[in-house]
Amino acid sequence: MPSTLFSLLKDSISRDEVASTAEDHERRFDTTGDDDPRESGNHELVTGYYKLVTDFYEYGWGKSFHFAPRHSNESFEASLTRHQHFIAYKLGLKPGMRVADFGCGVGGPLREIVSFTGANVVGINISSYQLDLARKYTKEAGLSDLAEYLECNFMDVDAPDNSFDAIYAIEATVHSPDAVAVFSEARRLLKPGGCFASYEWCLTGKFDADDPHHVQLKKDIEFGSATPDLRYIHEVDAALVQSGLEIVETRDLTDQTAAGIPWYQPLVGSGISLAGFRSSNVGRAVTHRSLRAFEKVKVVPAGASEVARLLNVAADALAEGGRMEIFTPMYFVLARKPE
């Protein structure tokens, strides 16, 4: 992972493209016309976004790009691992199974699940930069015999029908403008009786579309995270049914952490570790100011501070949405392909 601010955006994108890519990202959130550019240009939106933010994610968060419920006596890293183990447990993963990871990022959860279960896992991702890192980290971990990676859209996977015993997605399908298309592709790829499990980003029943503050938080999450319109929980359930999958279990895992540490705490608390500080609101502000100074002396490319800004917009909105309980990043779904 990049150890200093000087490493950010070093290999993911040309220095000359950083500012223009960040500007293009902002233009894609101009939804004043009849067409939503986030949908018509979804592939470009997501791939451009992850060229910009992957190094920042690693710098501030690590190699597992997701949230997790956390017990009061549990470390941040341990909570992420337990969250990954939970999805593997629910799918009953074991040696000999062939599994797909939709939207695998740089492969942090994938490598943990491979190590935990002994299953063969195929990471699916449209970001070539993230896949290059995933292959590098997997080789370094000595797990290349159980893990492989495929560059394609998880709505159109380059694999035949009935290819996988199980499929999971960890906070990834939110990038798709069509939940039915994602779940239908999972159904096509699963063997009969195979299961799909996912942690979904959702608006909860407490979200009020007539409340301007709620609406602005939603827009900020979408802008800073490169997502189309966030879906309600009931819309995810309906999409699963429409895709032809049979719902086995659904629940919002944020409901289980009332006595623990909120999932959004790393975004607001200072933490006691370097990584914890970097992801906090204070640490993010320091990073943003530092990048602005480094841009002036051309140590980092122009536009780097703008990338930090858009991530700060998302982080602040995610934390506030979590505090108000109008948003969850961990609506857990488990569904089965009919026999």
C-alpha atoms as a PDB file:
ATOM      1  CA  MET A   1       0.000   0.000   0.000  1.00  0.00           C
ATOM      2  CA  PRO A   2       1.269   3.533  -0.615  1.00  0.00           C
ATOM      3  CA  SER A   3       3.170   4.501   2.535  1.00  0.00           C
ATOM      4  CA  THR A   4       3.316   8.253   1.918  1.00  0.00           C
ATOM      5  CA  LEU A   5       1.286  10.942   0.223  1.00  0.00           C
ATOM      6  CA  PHE A   6       3.981  11.124  -2.454  1.00  0.00           C
ATOM      7  CA  SER A   7       2.948   7.648  -3.657  1.00  0.00           C
ATOM      8  CA  LEU A   8      -0.668   8.590  -4.379  1.00  0.00           C
ATOM      9  CA  LEU A   9      -1.615   8.471  -8.064  1.00  0.00           C
ATOM     10  CA  LYS A  10       1.913   7.438  -8.982  1.00  0.00           C
ATOM     11  CA  ASP A  11       1.000   4.448 -11.162  1.00  0.00           C
ATOM     12  CA  SER A  12      -2.784   4.470 -11.567  1.00  0.00           C
ATOM     13  CA  ILE A  13      -3.135   7.327 -14.043  1.00  0.00           C
ATOM     14  CA  SER A  14      -1.012   9.720 -16.065  1.00  0.00           C
ATOM     15  CA  ARG A  15      -0.147  12.891 -14.136  1.00  0.00           C
ATOM     16  CA  ASP A  16      -1.632  14.939 -16.969  1.00  0.00           C
ATOM     17  CA  GLU A  17      -4.967  13.099 -16.737  1.00  0.00           C
ATOM     18  CA  VAL A  18      -5.705  13.452 -13.017  1.00  0.00           C
ATOM     19  CA  ALA A  19      -7.313  16.889 -13.095  1.00  0.00           C
ATOM     20  CA  SER A  20      -9.294  16.241 -16.289  1.00  0.00           C
ATOM     21  CA  THR A  21     -10.547  12.873 -14.997  1.00  0.00           C
ATOM     22  CA  ALA A  22     -11.665  14.500 -11.749  1.00  0.00           C
ATOM     23  CA  GLU A  23     -13.459  17.211 -13.730  1.00  0.00           C
ATOM     24  CA  ASP A  24     -15.125  14.587 -15.909  1.00  0.00           C
ATOM     25  CA  HIS A  25     -16.319  12.808 -12.766  1.00  0.00           C
ATOM     26  CA  GLU A  26     -17.994  15.992 -11.590  1.00  0.00           C
ATOM     27  CA  ARG A  27     -19.655  16.549 -14.979  1.00  0.00           C
ATOM     28  CA  ARG A  28     -21.182  13.092 -14.830  1.00  0.00           C
ATOM     29  CA  PHE A  29     -23.170  14.178 -11.780  1.00  0.00           C
ATOM     30  CA  ASP A  30     -24.900  16.973 -13.624  1.00  0.00           C
ATOM     31  CA  THR A  31     -28.323  15.351 -13.813  1.00  0.00           C
ATOM     32  CA  THR A  32     -30.283  18.455 -14.807  1.00  0.00           C
ATOM     33  CA  GLY A  33     -31.041  17.058 -18.293  1.00  0.00           C
ATOM     34  CA  ASP A  34     -33.363  14.284 -19.366  1.00  0.00           C
ATOM     35  CA  ASP A  35     -30.648  11.611 -19.333  1.00  0.00           C
ATOM     36  CA  ASP A  36     -28.599  10.617 -16.293  1.00  0.00           C
ATOM     37  CA  PRO A  37     -24.950  10.503 -17.469  1.00  0.00           C
ATOM     38  CA  ARG A  38     -24.127   8.149 -14.613  1.00  0.00           C
ATOM     39  CA  GLU A  39     -26.181   5.474 -16.356  1.00  0.00           C
ATOM     40  CA  SER A  40     -25.281   6.070 -19.993  1.00  0.00           C
ATOM     41  CA  GLY A  41     -21.584   6.301 -19.139  1.00  0.00           C
ATOM     42  CA  ASN A  42     -21.492   3.949 -16.168  1.00  0.00           C
ATOM     43  CA  HIS A  43     -18.420   2.001 -17.307  1.00  0.00           C
ATOM     44  CA  GLU A  44     -16.383   5.168 -17.814  1.00  0.00           C
ATOM     45  CA  LEU A  45     -17.644   6.644 -14.544  1.00  0.00           C
ATOM     46  CA  VAL A  46     -16.565   3.641 -12.468  1.00  0.00           C
ATOM     47  CA  THR A  47     -13.240   2.917 -14.184  1.00  0.00           C
ATOM     48  CA  GLY A  48     -12.233   6.586 -14.100  1.00  0.00           C
ATOM     49  CA  TYR A  49     -13.221   6.860 -10.448  1.00  0.00           C
ATOM     50  CA  TYR A  50     -11.111   3.894  -9.374  1.00  0.00           C
ATOM     51  CA  LYS A  51      -8.105   5.166 -11.269  1.00  0.00           C
ATOM     52  CA  LEU A  52      -8.383   8.231  -9.066  1.00  0.00           C
ATOM     53  CA  VAL A  53      -9.258   6.771  -5.686  1.00  0.00           C
ATOM     54  CA  THR A  54      -7.687   3.310  -5.359  1.00  0.00           C
ATOM     55  CA  ASP A  55      -4.396   4.604  -3.967  1.00  0.00           C
ATOM     56  CA  PHE A  56      -6.297   6.849  -1.561  1.00  0.00           C
ATOM     57  CA  TYR A  57      -8.374   3.891  -0.371  1.00  0.00           C
ATOM     58  CA  GLU A  58      -5.260   1.859   0.323  1.00  0.00           C
ATOM     59  CA  TYR A  59      -3.537   4.787   2.004  1.00  0.00           C
ATOM     60  CA  GLY A  60      -6.400   5.482   4.388  1.00  0.00           C
ATOM     61  CA  TRP A  61      -8.194   2.154   4.711  1.00  0.00           C
ATOM     62  CA  GLY A  62      -6.062  -0.833   3.693  1.00  0.00           C
ATOM     63  CA  LYS A  63      -6.714  -3.469   1.050  1.00  0.00           C
ATOM     64  CA  SER A  64     -10.314  -4.299   1.985  1.00  0.00           C
ATOM     65  CA  PHE A  65     -12.535  -1.501   0.710  1.00  0.00           C
ATOM     66  CA  HIS A  66     -15.643  -1.948   2.834  1.00  0.00           C
ATOM     67  CA  PHE A  67     -17.254  -1.250   6.189  1.00  0.00           C
ATOM     68  CA  ALA A  68     -18.132  -3.757   8.909  1.00  0.00           C
ATOM     69  CA  PRO A  69     -20.135  -4.102  12.125  1.00  0.00           C
ATOM     70  CA  ARG A  70     -17.732  -3.885  15.042  1.00  0.00           C
ATOM     71  CA  HIS A  71     -17.836  -5.050  18.633  1.00  0.00           C
ATOM     72  CA  SER A  72     -16.608  -2.741  21.377  1.00  0.00           C
ATOM     73  CA  ASN A  73     -13.600  -4.947  22.127  1.00  0.00           C
ATOM     74  CA  GLU A  74     -12.697  -5.565  18.482  1.00  0.00           C
ATOM     75  CA  SER A  75     -10.082  -3.879  16.290  1.00  0.00           C
ATOM     76  CA  PHE A  76     -11.014  -2.305  12.970  1.00  0.00           C
ATOM     77  CA  GLU A  77      -8.964  -4.907  11.080  1.00  0.00           C
ATOM     78  CA  ALA A  78     -10.569  -7.785  12.997  1.00  0.00           C
ATOM     79  CA  SER A  79     -14.053  -6.476  12.235  1.00  0.00           C
ATOM     80  CA  LEU A  80     -13.323  -6.438   8.503  1.00  0.00           C
ATOM     81  CA  THR A  81     -12.041  -9.998   8.648  1.00  0.00           C
ATOM     82  CA  ARG A  82     -15.076 -11.203  10.617  1.00  0.00           C
ATOM     83  CA  HIS A  83     -17.385  -9.524   8.094  1.00  0.00           C
ATOM     84  CA  GLN A  84     -15.645 -11.412   5.293  1.00  0.00           C
ATOM     85  CA  HIS A  85     -15.797 -14.702   7.205  1.00  0.00           C
ATOM     86  CA  PHE A  86     -19.523 -14.184   7.802  1.00  0.00           C
ATOM     87  CA  ILE A  87     -20.326 -14.099   4.109  1.00  0.00           C
ATOM     88  CA  ALA A  88     -18.115 -17.148   3.489  1.00  0.00           C
ATOM     89  CA  TYR A  89     -19.861 -18.995   6.329  1.00  0.00           C
ATOM     90  CA  LYS A  90     -23.324 -18.128   5.022  1.00  0.00           C
ATOM     91  CA  LEU A  91     -22.382 -19.492   1.592  1.00  0.00           C
ATOM     92  CA  GLY A  92     -20.852 -22.624   3.092  1.00  0.00           C
ATOM     93  CA  LEU A  93     -17.617 -22.158   1.161  1.00  0.00           C
ATOM     94  CA  LYS A  94     -15.120 -25.025   1.313  1.00  0.00           C
ATOM     95  CA  PRO A  95     -12.238 -26.572  -0.649  1.00  0.00           C
ATOM     96  CA  GLY A  96     -13.146 -27.662  -4.152  1.00  0.00           C
ATOM     97  CA  MET A  97     -15.860 -25.042  -4.661  1.00  0.00           C
ATOM     98  CA  ARG A  98     -15.529 -22.527  -7.498  1.00  0.00           C
ATOM     99  CA  VAL A  99     -16.681 -19.099  -6.394  1.00  0.00           C
ATOM    100  CA  ALA A 100     -16.981 -15.649  -7.986  1.00  0.00           C
ATOM    101  CA  ASP A 101     -16.287 -12.331  -6.230  1.00  0.00           C
ATOM    102  CA  PHE A 102     -18.262  -9.573  -7.992  1.00  0.00           C
ATOM    103  CA  GLY A 103     -16.314  -6.304  -7.825  1.00  0.00           C
ATOM    104  CA  CYS A 104     -13.254  -7.675  -6.040  1.00  0.00           C
ATOM    105  CA  GLY A 105     -11.269  -4.431  -5.730  1.00  0.00           C
ATOM    106  CA  VAL A 106      -7.599  -5.144  -5.079  1.00  0.00           C
ATOM    107  CA  GLY A 107      -8.549  -8.555  -3.690  1.00  0.00           C
ATOM    108  CA  GLY A 108      -8.268  -8.005   0.062  1.00  0.00           C
ATOM    109  CA  PRO A 109     -11.488  -9.852   0.987  1.00  0.00           C
ATOM    110  CA  LEU A 110     -10.896 -12.443  -1.745  1.00  0.00           C
ATOM    111  CA  ARG A 111      -7.506 -13.427  -0.338  1.00  0.00           C
ATOM    112  CA  GLU A 112      -8.913 -13.643   3.173  1.00  0.00           C
ATOM    113  CA  ILE A 113     -11.809 -15.825   2.022  1.00  0.00           C
ATOM    114  CA  VAL A 114      -9.469 -18.076   0.033  1.00  0.00           C
ATOM    115  CA  SER A 115      -7.246 -18.483   3.095  1.00  0.00           C
ATOM    116  CA  PHE A 116     -10.205 -19.058   5.404  1.00  0.00           C
ATOM    117  CA  THR A 117     -12.116 -21.565   3.262  1.00  0.00           C
ATOM    118  CA  GLY A 118      -9.710 -23.133   0.771  1.00  0.00           C
ATOM    119  CA  ALA A 119     -12.219 -22.457  -2.026  1.00  0.00           C
ATOM    120  CA  ASN A 120     -11.135 -21.388  -5.495  1.00  0.00           C
ATOM    121  CA  VAL A 121     -12.246 -17.778  -6.041  1.00  0.00           C
ATOM    122  CA  VAL A 122     -12.373 -15.756  -9.254  1.00  0.00           C
ATOM    123  CA  GLY A 123     -12.254 -12.003  -8.736  1.00  0.00           C
ATOM    124  CA  ILE A 124     -14.295 -10.045 -11.287  1.00  0.00           C
ATOM    125  CA  ASN A 125     -13.546  -6.375 -11.830  1.00  0.00           C
ATOM    126  CA  ILE A 126     -13.646  -3.753 -14.600  1.00  0.00           C
ATOM    127  CA  SER A 127     -10.663  -1.813 -13.235  1.00  0.00           C
ATOM    128  CA  SER A 128      -7.434  -2.991 -14.853  1.00  0.00           C
ATOM    129  CA  TYR A 129      -5.394  -0.995 -12.341  1.00  0.00           C
ATOM    130  CA  GLN A 130      -7.041  -2.699  -9.380  1.00  0.00           C
ATOM    131  CA  LEU A 131      -6.617  -6.110 -11.007  1.00  0.00           C
ATOM    132  CA  ASP A 132      -2.909  -5.501 -11.573  1.00  0.00           C
ATOM    133  CA  LEU A 133      -2.562  -4.784  -7.867  1.00  0.00           C
ATOM    134  CA  ALA A 134      -4.748  -7.764  -6.934  1.00  0.00           C
ATOM    135  CA  ARG A 135      -2.578 -10.167  -8.927  1.00  0.00           C
ATOM    136  CA  LYS A 136       0.579  -8.681  -7.415  1.00  0.00           C
ATOM    137  CA  TYR A 137      -0.694  -8.950  -3.836  1.00  0.00           C
ATOM    138  CA  THR A 138      -2.048 -12.455  -4.429  1.00  0.00           C
ATOM    139  CA  LYS A 139       1.299 -13.651  -5.764  1.00  0.00           C
ATOM    140  CA  GLU A 140       3.082 -12.095  -2.782  1.00  0.00           C
ATOM    141  CA  ALA A 141       0.658 -13.908  -0.455  1.00  0.00           C
ATOM    142  CA  GLY A 142       1.336 -17.242  -2.157  1.00  0.00           C
ATOM    143  CA  LEU A 143      -2.334 -17.718  -3.069  1.00  0.00           C
ATOM    144  CA  SER A 144      -2.199 -17.702  -6.870  1.00  0.00           C
ATOM    145  CA  ASP A 145      -3.104 -21.405  -6.998  1.00  0.00           C
ATOM    146  CA  LEU A 146      -6.534 -20.666  -5.459  1.00  0.00           C
ATOM    147  CA  ALA A 147      -7.231 -17.139  -6.705  1.00  0.00           C
ATOM    148  CA  GLU A 148      -7.585 -15.783 -10.217  1.00  0.00           C
ATOM    149  CA  TYR A 149      -8.909 -12.581 -11.718  1.00  0.00           C
ATOM    150  CA  LEU A 150     -11.099 -11.717 -14.671  1.00  0.00           C
ATOM    151  CA  GLU A 151     -11.426  -8.252 -16.191  1.00  0.00           C
ATOM    152  CA  CYS A 152     -15.055  -7.728 -17.177  1.00  0.00           C
ATOM    153  CA  ASN A 153     -18.302  -6.136 -16.032  1.00  0.00           C
ATOM    154  CA  PHE A 154     -20.162  -8.183 -13.427  1.00  0.00           C
ATOM    155  CA  MET A 155     -23.334  -7.547 -15.419  1.00  0.00           C
ATOM    156  CA  ASP A 156     -21.770  -9.354 -18.395  1.00  0.00           C
ATOM    157  CA  VAL A 157     -19.256 -11.913 -17.147  1.00  0.00           C
ATOM    158  CA  ASP A 158     -17.095 -13.788 -19.619  1.00  0.00           C
ATOM    159  CA  ALA A 159     -18.035 -17.242 -18.334  1.00  0.00           C
ATOM    160  CA  PRO A 160     -20.593 -19.876 -19.349  1.00  0.00           C
ATOM    161  CA  ASP A 161     -23.869 -20.629 -17.592  1.00  0.00           C
ATOM    162  CA  ASN A 162     -23.686 -22.666 -14.374  1.00  0.00           C
ATOM    163  CA  SER A 163     -19.983 -21.844 -13.846  1.00  0.00           C
ATOM    164  CA  PHE A 164     -19.924 -21.243 -10.099  1.00  0.00           C
ATOM    165  CA  ASP A 165     -20.983 -22.995  -6.918  1.00  0.00           C
ATOM    166  CA  ALA A 166     -21.438 -19.657  -5.155  1.00  0.00           C
ATOM    167  CA  ILE A 167     -21.083 -15.916  -5.802  1.00  0.00           C
ATOM    168  CA  TYR A 168     -20.633 -13.016  -3.410  1.00  0.00           C
ATOM    169  CA  ALA A 169     -20.337  -9.227  -3.642  1.00  0.00           C
ATOM    170  CA  ILE A 170     -19.053  -6.973  -0.885  1.00  0.00           C
ATOM    171  CA  GLU A 171     -20.417  -3.415  -1.265  1.00  0.00           C
ATOM    172  CA  ALA A 172     -19.863  -3.561  -5.032  1.00  0.00           C
ATOM    173  CA  THR A 173     -23.195  -3.913  -6.815  1.00  0.00           C
ATOM    174  CA  VAL A 174     -24.105  -0.356  -5.807  1.00  0.00           C
ATOM    175  CA  HIS A 175     -22.068   0.771  -8.829  1.00  0.00           C
ATOM    176  CA  SER A 176     -24.551  -0.845 -11.196  1.00  0.00           C
ATOM    177  CA  PRO A 177     -27.506   1.253 -12.362  1.00  0.00           C
ATOM    178  CA  ASP A 178     -29.553  -1.943 -12.756  1.00  0.00           C
ATOM    179  CA  ALA A 179     -29.817  -4.284  -9.777  1.00  0.00           C
ATOM    180  CA  VAL A 180     -31.948  -6.757 -11.712  1.00  0.00           C
ATOM    181  CA  ALA A 181     -29.194  -7.089 -14.338  1.00  0.00           C
ATOM    182  CA  VAL A 182     -26.553  -7.852 -11.698  1.00  0.00           C
ATOM    183  CA  PHE A 183     -28.684 -10.389  -9.857  1.00  0.00           C
ATOM    184  CA  SER A 184     -29.797 -11.982 -13.139  1.00  0.00           C
ATOM    185  CA  GLU A 185     -26.180 -12.433 -14.161  1.00  0.00           C
ATOM    186  CA  ALA A 186     -25.469 -14.057 -10.812  1.00  0.00           C
ATOM    187  CA  ARG A 187     -28.412 -16.402 -11.411  1.00  0.00           C
ATOM    188  CA  ARG A 188     -27.089 -17.302 -14.884  1.00  0.00           C
ATOM    189  CA  LEU A 189     -23.612 -18.062 -13.587  1.00  0.00           C
ATOM    190  CA  LEU A 190     -24.671 -20.091 -10.555  1.00  0.00           C
ATOM    191  CA  LYS A 191     -25.122 -23.821 -10.701  1.00  0.00           C
ATOM    192  CA  PRO A 192     -28.669 -24.923  -9.797  1.00  0.00           C
ATOM    193  CA  GLY A 193     -29.024 -24.704  -6.033  1.00  0.00           C
ATOM    194  CA  GLY A 194     -26.036 -22.363  -5.743  1.00  0.00           C
ATOM    195  CA  CYS A 195     -26.269 -19.237  -3.612  1.00  0.00           C
ATOM    196  CA  PHE A 196     -25.508 -15.545  -4.036  1.00  0.00           C
ATOM    197  CA  ALA A 197     -24.660 -13.383  -1.022  1.00  0.00           C
ATOM    198  CA  SER A 198     -24.069  -9.651  -0.922  1.00  0.00           C
ATOM    199  CA  TYR A 199     -23.638  -6.614   1.280  1.00  0.00           C
ATOM    200  CA  GLU A 200     -25.745  -3.914  -0.383  1.00  0.00           C
ATOM    201  CA  TRP A 201     -25.587  -0.139  -0.003  1.00  0.00           C
ATOM    202  CA  CYS A 202     -29.192   0.949   0.623  1.00  0.00           C
ATOM    203  CA  LEU A 203     -31.424   3.743   1.768  1.00  0.00           C
ATOM    204  CA  THR A 204     -33.426   2.646   4.791  1.00  0.00           C
ATOM    205  CA  GLY A 205     -37.072   3.263   5.613  1.00  0.00           C
ATOM    206  CA  LYS A 206     -35.989   6.319   7.623  1.00  0.00           C
ATOM    207  CA  PHE A 207     -34.872   8.148   4.492  1.00  0.00           C
ATOM    208  CA  ASP A 208     -37.292  10.983   3.700  1.00  0.00           C
ATOM    209  CA  ALA A 209     -37.248  12.047   0.043  1.00  0.00           C
ATOM    210  CA  ASP A 210     -38.987  15.290   1.059  1.00  0.00           C
ATOM    211  CA  ASP A 211     -36.265  16.260   3.548  1.00  0.00           C
ATOM    212  CA  PRO A 212     -33.658  18.482   1.807  1.00  0.00           C
ATOM    213  CA  HIS A 213     -30.919  17.373   4.208  1.00  0.00           C
ATOM    214  CA  HIS A 214     -31.587  13.698   3.511  1.00  0.00           C
ATOM    215  CA  VAL A 215     -31.607  14.364  -0.224  1.00  0.00           C
ATOM    216  CA  GLN A 216     -28.301  16.258  -0.077  1.00  0.00           C
ATOM    217  CA  LEU A 217     -26.644  13.476   1.902  1.00  0.00           C
ATOM    218  CA  LYS A 218     -27.793  10.985  -0.710  1.00  0.00           C
ATOM    219  CA  LYS A 219     -26.380  13.135  -3.520  1.00  0.00           C
ATOM    220  CA  ASP A 220     -23.064  13.539  -1.683  1.00  0.00           C
ATOM    221  CA  ILE A 221     -22.706   9.793  -1.136  1.00  0.00           C
ATOM    222  CA  GLU A 222     -23.397   9.175  -4.809  1.00  0.00           C
ATOM    223  CA  PHE A 223     -21.003  11.889  -5.983  1.00  0.00           C
ATOM    224  CA  GLY A 224     -18.142  10.890  -3.714  1.00  0.00           C
ATOM    225  CA  SER A 225     -18.581   7.160  -4.315  1.00  0.00           C
ATOM    226  CA  ALA A 226     -19.372   7.096  -8.063  1.00  0.00           C
ATOM    227  CA  THR A 227     -22.775   5.473  -7.763  1.00  0.00           C
ATOM    228  CA  PRO A 228     -26.062   5.850  -9.614  1.00  0.00           C
ATOM    229  CA  ASP A 229     -29.237   6.462  -7.608  1.00  0.00           C
ATOM    230  CA  LEU A 230     -29.015   4.641  -4.290  1.00  0.00           C
ATOM    231  CA  ARG A 231     -31.648   1.941  -3.926  1.00  0.00           C
ATOM    232  CA  TYR A 232     -34.062   1.409  -1.073  1.00  0.00           C
ATOM    233  CA  ILE A 233     -33.949  -1.886   0.801  1.00  0.00           C
ATOM    234  CA  HIS A 234     -37.325  -2.908  -0.628  1.00  0.00           C
ATOM    235  CA  GLU A 235     -36.042  -2.242  -4.149  1.00  0.00           C
ATOM    236  CA  VAL A 236     -33.152  -4.651  -3.606  1.00  0.00           C
ATOM    237  CA  ASP A 237     -35.590  -7.329  -2.413  1.00  0.00           C
ATOM    238  CA  ALA A 238     -37.813  -6.757  -5.448  1.00  0.00           C
ATOM    239  CA  ALA A 239     -34.819  -6.956  -7.818  1.00  0.00           C
ATOM    240  CA  LEU A 240     -33.764 -10.299  -6.351  1.00  0.00           C
ATOM    241  CA  VAL A 241     -37.238 -11.724  -6.948  1.00  0.00           C
ATOM    242  CA  GLN A 242     -37.437 -10.257 -10.448  1.00  0.00           C
ATOM    243  CA  SER A 243     -34.077 -11.824 -11.339  1.00  0.00           C
ATOM    244  CA  GLY A 244     -35.437 -15.275 -10.553  1.00  0.00           C
ATOM    245  CA  LEU A 245     -33.413 -15.871  -7.405  1.00  0.00           C
ATOM    246  CA  GLU A 246     -35.139 -17.248  -4.310  1.00  0.00           C
ATOM    247  CA  ILE A 247     -34.553 -15.125  -1.212  1.00  0.00           C
ATOM    248  CA  VAL A 248     -33.202 -17.179   1.670  1.00  0.00           C
ATOM    249  CA  GLU A 249     -32.373 -14.413   4.133  1.00  0.00           C
ATOM    250  CA  THR A 250     -32.144 -10.623   4.272  1.00  0.00           C
ATOM    251  CA  ARG A 251     -31.258  -8.325   7.142  1.00  0.00           C
ATOM    252  CA  ASP A 252     -29.561  -5.030   7.857  1.00  0.00           C
ATOM    253  CA  LEU A 253     -26.435  -5.871   9.856  1.00  0.00           C
ATOM    254  CA  THR A 254     -26.235  -2.329  11.245  1.00  0.00           C
ATOM    255  CA  ASP A 255     -29.136  -3.339  13.491  1.00  0.00           C
ATOM    256  CA  GLN A 256     -26.813  -5.754  15.297  1.00  0.00           C
ATOM    257  CA  THR A 257     -24.240  -3.194  16.441  1.00  0.00           C
ATOM    258  CA  ALA A 258     -26.234  -0.970  18.785  1.00  0.00           C
ATOM    259  CA  ALA A 259     -24.007  -1.898  21.731  1.00  0.00           C
ATOM    260  CA  GLY A 260     -20.815  -1.821  19.695  1.00  0.00           C
ATOM    261  CA  ILE A 261     -18.888   0.685  17.611  1.00  0.00           C
ATOM    262  CA  PRO A 262     -20.835   2.208  14.700  1.00  0.00           C
ATOM    263  CA  TRP A 263     -19.679   1.106  11.254  1.00  0.00           C
ATOM    264  CA  TYR A 264     -18.980   4.721  10.331  1.00  0.00           C
ATOM    265  CA  GLN A 265     -16.724   5.399  13.361  1.00  0.00           C
ATOM    266  CA  PRO A 266     -13.473   5.146  11.355  1.00  0.00           C
ATOM    267  CA  LEU A 267     -14.689   8.105   9.278  1.00  0.00           C
ATOM    268  CA  VAL A 268     -15.208  10.380  12.278  1.00  0.00           C
ATOM    269  CA  GLY A 269     -12.983   9.146  15.127  1.00  0.00           C
ATOM    270  CA  SER A 270      -9.276   9.872  15.344  1.00  0.00           C
ATOM    271  CA  GLY A 271      -8.396   6.249  16.027  1.00  0.00           C
ATOM    272  CA  ILE A 272      -5.246   5.015  17.742  1.00  0.00           C
ATOM    273  CA  SER A 273      -3.433   3.704  14.682  1.00  0.00           C
ATOM    274  CA  LEU A 274      -1.905   5.512  11.729  1.00  0.00           C
ATOM    275  CA  ALA A 275      -4.480   3.973   9.402  1.00  0.00           C
ATOM    276  CA  GLY A 276      -7.254   4.970  11.798  1.00  0.00           C
ATOM    277  CA  PHE A 277      -6.057   8.558  11.837  1.00  0.00           C
ATOM    278  CA  ARG A 278      -5.780   8.708   8.044  1.00  0.00           C
ATOM    279  CA  SER A 279      -9.413   7.645   7.571  1.00  0.00           C
ATOM    280  CA  SER A 280     -10.787  10.010  10.248  1.00  0.00           C
ATOM    281  CA  ASN A 281     -12.206  13.439   9.486  1.00  0.00           C
ATOM    282  CA  VAL A 282      -9.114  15.106  10.989  1.00  0.00           C
ATOM    283  CA  GLY A 283      -6.724  12.856   9.084  1.00  0.00           C
ATOM    284  CA  ARG A 284      -8.605  13.390   5.843  1.00  0.00           C
ATOM    285  CA  ALA A 285      -8.453  17.164   6.308  1.00  0.00           C
ATOM    286  CA  VAL A 286      -4.700  16.980   6.882  1.00  0.00           C
ATOM    287  CA  THR A 287      -4.293  14.879   3.750  1.00  0.00           C
ATOM    288  CA  HIS A 288      -6.326  17.334   1.673  1.00  0.00           C
ATOM    289  CA  ARG A 289      -4.339  20.371   2.837  1.00  0.00           C
ATOM    290  CA  SER A 290      -1.047  18.571   2.354  1.00  0.00           C
ATOM    291  CA  LEU A 291      -1.944  17.567  -1.198  1.00  0.00           C
ATOM    292  CA  ARG A 292      -2.854  21.142  -2.066  1.00  0.00           C
ATOM    293  CA  ALA A 293       0.580  22.243  -0.906  1.00  0.00           C
ATOM    294  CA  PHE A 294       2.309  19.405  -2.778  1.00  0.00           C
ATOM    295  CA  GLU A 295       0.432  20.304  -5.964  1.00  0.00           C
ATOM    296  CA  LYS A 296       1.945  23.782  -5.899  1.00  0.00           C
ATOM    297  CA  VAL A 297       5.477  22.390  -5.890  1.00  0.00           C
ATOM    298  CA  LYS A 298       4.510  19.627  -8.362  1.00  0.00           C
ATOM    299  CA  VAL A 299       5.323  16.765  -5.999  1.00  0.00           C
ATOM    300  CA  VAL A 300       1.890  15.273  -6.718  1.00  0.00           C
ATOM    301  CA  PRO A 301      -0.138  15.806  -9.910  1.00  0.00           C
ATOM    302  CA  ALA A 302      -2.575  18.672 -10.268  1.00  0.00           C
ATOM    303  CA  GLY A 303      -6.006  17.434  -9.267  1.00  0.00           C
ATOM    304  CA  ALA A 304      -4.846  15.210  -6.405  1.00  0.00           C
ATOM    305  CA  SER A 305      -6.414  17.493  -3.808  1.00  0.00           C
ATOM    306  CA  GLU A 306      -9.687  17.447  -5.770  1.00  0.00           C
ATOM    307  CA  VAL A 307      -9.720  13.644  -5.512  1.00  0.00           C
ATOM    308  CA  ALA A 308      -9.244  13.954  -1.766  1.00  0.00           C
ATOM    309  CA  ARG A 309     -12.079  16.485  -1.662  1.00  0.00           C
ATOM    310  CA  LEU A 310     -14.588  14.230  -3.390  1.00  0.00           C
ATOM    311  CA  LEU A 311     -13.678  11.381  -1.031  1.00  0.00           C
ATOM    312  CA  ASN A 312     -14.150  13.725   1.927  1.00  0.00           C
ATOM    313  CA  VAL A 313     -17.606  14.655   0.614  1.00  0.00           C
ATOM    314  CA  ALA A 314     -18.518  10.967   0.517  1.00  0.00           C
ATOM    315  CA  ALA A 315     -17.025  10.192   3.921  1.00  0.00           C
ATOM    316  CA  ASP A 316     -18.837  13.026   5.675  1.00  0.00           C
ATOM    317  CA  ALA A 317     -22.150  12.110   4.036  1.00  0.00           C
ATOM    318  CA  LEU A 318     -21.721   8.400   4.765  1.00  0.00           C
ATOM    319  CA  ALA A 319     -21.010   9.100   8.419  1.00  0.00           C
ATOM    320  CA  GLU A 320     -23.971  11.463   8.751  1.00  0.00           C
ATOM    321  CA  GLY A 321     -26.242   9.087   6.853  1.00  0.00           C
ATOM    322  CA  GLY A 322     -25.171   6.305   9.176  1.00  0.00           C
ATOM    323  CA  ARG A 323     -25.647   8.410  12.284  1.00  0.00           C
ATOM    324  CA  MET A 324     -29.157   9.346  11.143  1.00  0.00           C
ATOM    325  CA  GLU A 325     -29.851   5.704  10.183  1.00  0.00           C
ATOM    326  CA  ILE A 326     -31.085   6.695   6.727  1.00  0.00           C
ATOM    327  CA  PHE A 327     -28.346   4.704   4.971  1.00  0.00           C
ATOM    328  CA  THR A 328     -26.743   1.293   5.434  1.00  0.00           C
ATOM    329  CA  PRO A 329     -23.703  -0.206   3.656  1.00  0.00           C
ATOM    330  CA  MET A 330     -24.448  -3.699   4.891  1.00  0.00           C
ATOM    331  CA  TYR A 331     -27.896  -4.846   3.939  1.00  0.00           C
ATOM    332  CA  PHE A 332     -27.119  -8.556   3.804  1.00  0.00           C
ATOM    333  CA  VAL A 333     -28.873 -10.681   1.209  1.00  0.00           C
ATOM    334  CA  LEU A 334     -28.635 -14.414   0.653  1.00  0.00           C
ATOM    335  CA  ALA A 335     -30.476 -15.867  -2.339  1.00  0.00           C
ATOM    336  CA  ARG A 336     -30.536 -19.216  -4.118  1.00  0.00           C
ATOM    337  CA  LYS A 337     -30.801 -20.257  -7.746  1.00  0.00           C
ATOM    338  CA  PRO A 338     -33.686 -22.707  -8.048  1.00  0.00           C
ATOM    339  CA  GLU A 339     -32.800 -26.363  -8.606  1.00  0.00           C
END
